[in-house]
C-alpha atoms as a PDB file:
ATOM      1  CA  MET A   1     -34.246 -14.905  29.972  1.00  0.00           C
ATOM      2  CA  SER A   2     -36.010 -17.087  27.306  1.00  0.00           C
ATOM      3  CA  ARG A   3     -34.901 -20.382  25.292  1.00  0.00           C
ATOM      4  CA  GLU A   4     -36.040 -20.531  22.317  1.00  0.00           C
ATOM      5  CA  ILE A   5     -35.004 -18.038  20.062  1.00  0.00           C
ATOM      6  CA  LEU A   6     -35.039 -16.970  16.266  1.00  0.00           C
ATOM      7  CA  ILE A   7     -32.461 -18.214  13.980  1.00  0.00           C
ATOM      8  CA  GLN A   8     -31.834 -16.979  10.479  1.00  0.00           C
ATOM      9  CA  PHE A   9     -29.359 -18.351   8.140  1.00  0.00           C
ATOM     10  CA  ALA A  10     -27.809 -16.339   5.252  1.00  0.00           C
ATOM     11  CA  ASP A  11     -28.289 -19.550   3.497  1.00  0.00           C
ATOM     12  CA  ALA A  12     -31.231 -20.856   3.645  1.00  0.00           C
ATOM     13  CA  ASP A  13     -34.136 -18.166   2.399  1.00  0.00           C
ATOM     14  CA  SER A  14     -36.214 -21.422   1.023  1.00  0.00           C
ATOM     15  CA  THR A  15     -38.100 -22.973   3.379  1.00  0.00           C
ATOM     16  CA  ALA A  16     -37.326 -26.391   1.642  1.00  0.00           C
ATOM     17  CA  LEU A  17     -33.379 -25.659   2.552  1.00  0.00           C
ATOM     18  CA  SER A  18     -34.560 -24.493   6.156  1.00  0.00           C
ATOM     19  CA  SER A  19     -36.674 -27.748   7.169  1.00  0.00           C
ATOM     20  CA  SER A  20     -33.191 -30.276   6.413  1.00  0.00           C
ATOM     21  CA  LEU A  21     -31.974 -28.411   8.840  1.00  0.00           C
ATOM     22  CA  ILE A  22     -34.985 -29.180  11.767  1.00  0.00           C
ATOM     23  CA  GLY A  23     -32.957 -31.528  14.319  1.00  0.00           C
ATOM     24  CA  LYS A  24     -29.694 -29.924  13.829  1.00  0.00           C
ATOM     25  CA  LYS A  25     -27.533 -28.726  16.964  1.00  0.00           C
ATOM     26  CA  VAL A  26     -26.565 -24.954  17.229  1.00  0.00           C
ATOM     27  CA  VAL A  27     -24.225 -23.164  19.868  1.00  0.00           C
ATOM     28  CA  TRP A  28     -24.442 -19.535  20.653  1.00  0.00           C
ATOM     29  CA  LYS A  29     -20.517 -18.873  22.242  1.00  0.00           C
ATOM     30  CA  ASN A  30     -19.943 -15.404  24.702  1.00  0.00           C
ATOM     31  CA  GLU A  31     -16.405 -15.374  26.309  1.00  0.00           C
ATOM     32  CA  LYS A  32     -17.496 -16.645  28.947  1.00  0.00           C
ATOM     33  CA  THR A  33     -20.625 -19.762  28.083  1.00  0.00           C
ATOM     34  CA  LYS A  34     -21.439 -22.126  25.275  1.00  0.00           C
ATOM     35  CA  LEU A  35     -25.289 -22.336  25.088  1.00  0.00           C
ATOM     36  CA  THR A  36     -25.552 -25.605  23.410  1.00  0.00           C
ATOM     37  CA  GLY A  37     -29.614 -25.627  21.600  1.00  0.00           C
ATOM     38  CA  GLN A  38     -31.300 -27.629  18.723  1.00  0.00           C
ATOM     39  CA  ILE A  39     -33.794 -26.099  16.375  1.00  0.00           C
ATOM     40  CA  VAL A  40     -37.632 -27.403  16.587  1.00  0.00           C
ATOM     41  CA  GLY A  41     -38.967 -25.552  13.886  1.00  0.00           C
ATOM     42  CA  PHE A  42     -40.004 -23.316  11.743  1.00  0.00           C
ATOM     43  CA  HIS A  43     -41.049 -19.704  11.943  1.00  0.00           C
ATOM     44  CA  GLY A  44     -43.017 -18.322   8.979  1.00  0.00           C
ATOM     45  CA  LYS A  45     -42.627 -19.188   6.058  1.00  0.00           C
ATOM     46  CA  LYS A  46     -39.293 -17.101   4.851  1.00  0.00           C
ATOM     47  CA  GLY A  47     -36.389 -18.820   6.377  1.00  0.00           C
ATOM     48  CA  MET A  48     -36.977 -18.507   9.983  1.00  0.00           C
ATOM     49  CA  LEU A  49     -36.408 -20.765  12.606  1.00  0.00           C
ATOM     50  CA  ARG A  50     -36.201 -21.518  15.960  1.00  0.00           C
ATOM     51  CA  ALA A  51     -34.220 -23.198  18.307  1.00  0.00           C
ATOM     52  CA  ARG A  52     -34.573 -24.551  22.088  1.00  0.00           C
ATOM     53  CA  PHE A  53     -31.828 -24.082  24.846  1.00  0.00           C
ATOM     54  CA  LYS A  54     -31.716 -25.914  27.640  1.00  0.00           C
ATOM     55  CA  LYS A  55     -30.273 -22.885  29.683  1.00  0.00           C
ATOM     56  CA  GLY A  56     -32.130 -19.894  29.137  1.00  0.00           C
ATOM     57  CA  VAL A  57     -30.135 -17.587  26.481  1.00  0.00           C
ATOM     58  CA  PRO A  58     -29.002 -14.299  27.885  1.00  0.00           C
ATOM     59  CA  GLY A  59     -30.325 -10.677  26.026  1.00  0.00           C
ATOM     60  CA  GLN A  60     -27.136 -10.213  24.983  1.00  0.00           C
ATOM     61  CA  ALA A  61     -27.247 -13.296  22.058  1.00  0.00           C
ATOM     62  CA  ILE A  62     -29.924 -10.999  19.776  1.00  0.00           C
ATOM     63  CA  GLY A  63     -28.295  -9.815  16.534  1.00  0.00           C
ATOM     64  CA  THR A  64     -24.986 -12.376  17.440  1.00  0.00           C
ATOM     65  CA  THR A  65     -24.199 -15.659  15.408  1.00  0.00           C
ATOM     66  CA  VAL A  66     -25.202 -18.965  16.492  1.00  0.00           C
ATOM     67  CA  GLU A  67     -22.610 -21.951  15.007  1.00  0.00           C
ATOM     68  CA  LEU A  68     -24.482 -24.686  13.160  1.00  0.00           C
ATOM     69  CA  VAL A  69     -23.491 -27.836  14.580  1.00  0.00           C
ATOM     70  CA  SER A  70     -24.576 -31.089  13.261  1.00  0.00           C
END
């Protein structure tokens, strides 16, 4: 399981908007689990962000949505 995942928000197409999201918390929810992570930096130049979680994120998280908490 990987501790870091790549996130792309639908509203954050530019790096200027993405830079305001660094340091915010995100939550990935499943039927049984709820994993909390933090946005730690950019990935590339098109608005992709890296999020780091305390526990590893399972493979089922690929292609699913996360919730921006704060």
